[in-house]
Amino acid sequence: MVVELFTSQGCSSCPPADAYVGQLSRQSDVIALAFHVDYWDDLGWRDRFALPQSAERQNVYARNLHRSSVYTPQLVVDGQVDSLRDPQAVARALSEHRDGVPVTVTVRAAQVRVELGAHPGAPNSDVVLVTYLRHAVSAIGRGENAGRNLEEFNIVRGIRTLGTWKGEVRGFDVPVSALPPDATDAAVLVQPHRQAPIIGAAAHALRSSGVTVRAAQP
């Protein structure tokens, strides 16, 4: 299962949601990602982790989920459920977990290898690489959270589409050196075009070798 949090250091309602991502990140069947948006940056505090791509991603979800506006904090589960108004949505999604498309991520010789197995009939999908920083503490000097030290988890540092998957066996290779230097982990999301519900995902630490250490499918 993939849980995406849209958050900001400038939002006083966000720290509890950030802590929730920290809790979810300890579950082996959940990939939790915190996307820091930049539209709070002109309201008193510039979030050092904010990315324009995070706000763009949230805007697409707003259209897909028929939301009239974007807001923080917002949790999106598997690209299809906005769970903020229903705290039990994540628990229900876990209980309804089912296998998704076969995807694995490995890191060897400073190379990220993404492999997708055959899945006849799968919709044409974007293969999205999301790199993230596992943990950080930020001292906030201004804005709604002024004077606080915010503990943050699985902070997205980069988003890039590797290519299109059409249900065939396919692989992608990305040098670790081409990824953001502060990223500690990488997740791959298999998502039909226009950010439709996620159909497969996996994650791996960037600075270790071996088999996939966390994986989840919707």
Foldseek 3Di string as FASTA:
>chain_A
DEKEWEAEPQDPVAQVVQVVLVVQVPDQAYHYAYAYAQPCCVVKHGGPLHDPVSVVVQVLLCVVQVNPDDDPGWMDDQLHDTCPVPVCPVVVCVVVFDAFWDWWWWEDPQKIKIKTAADPPDAKWWKKKWFFAAWDWDQTCIHPQHRDTGIGGNYTRDIDTQDIDHRHIDMDMDGNVVDPPNTQKMKIWTAHPSSHGTRWMFMDTSPDGDTTRGTYGD
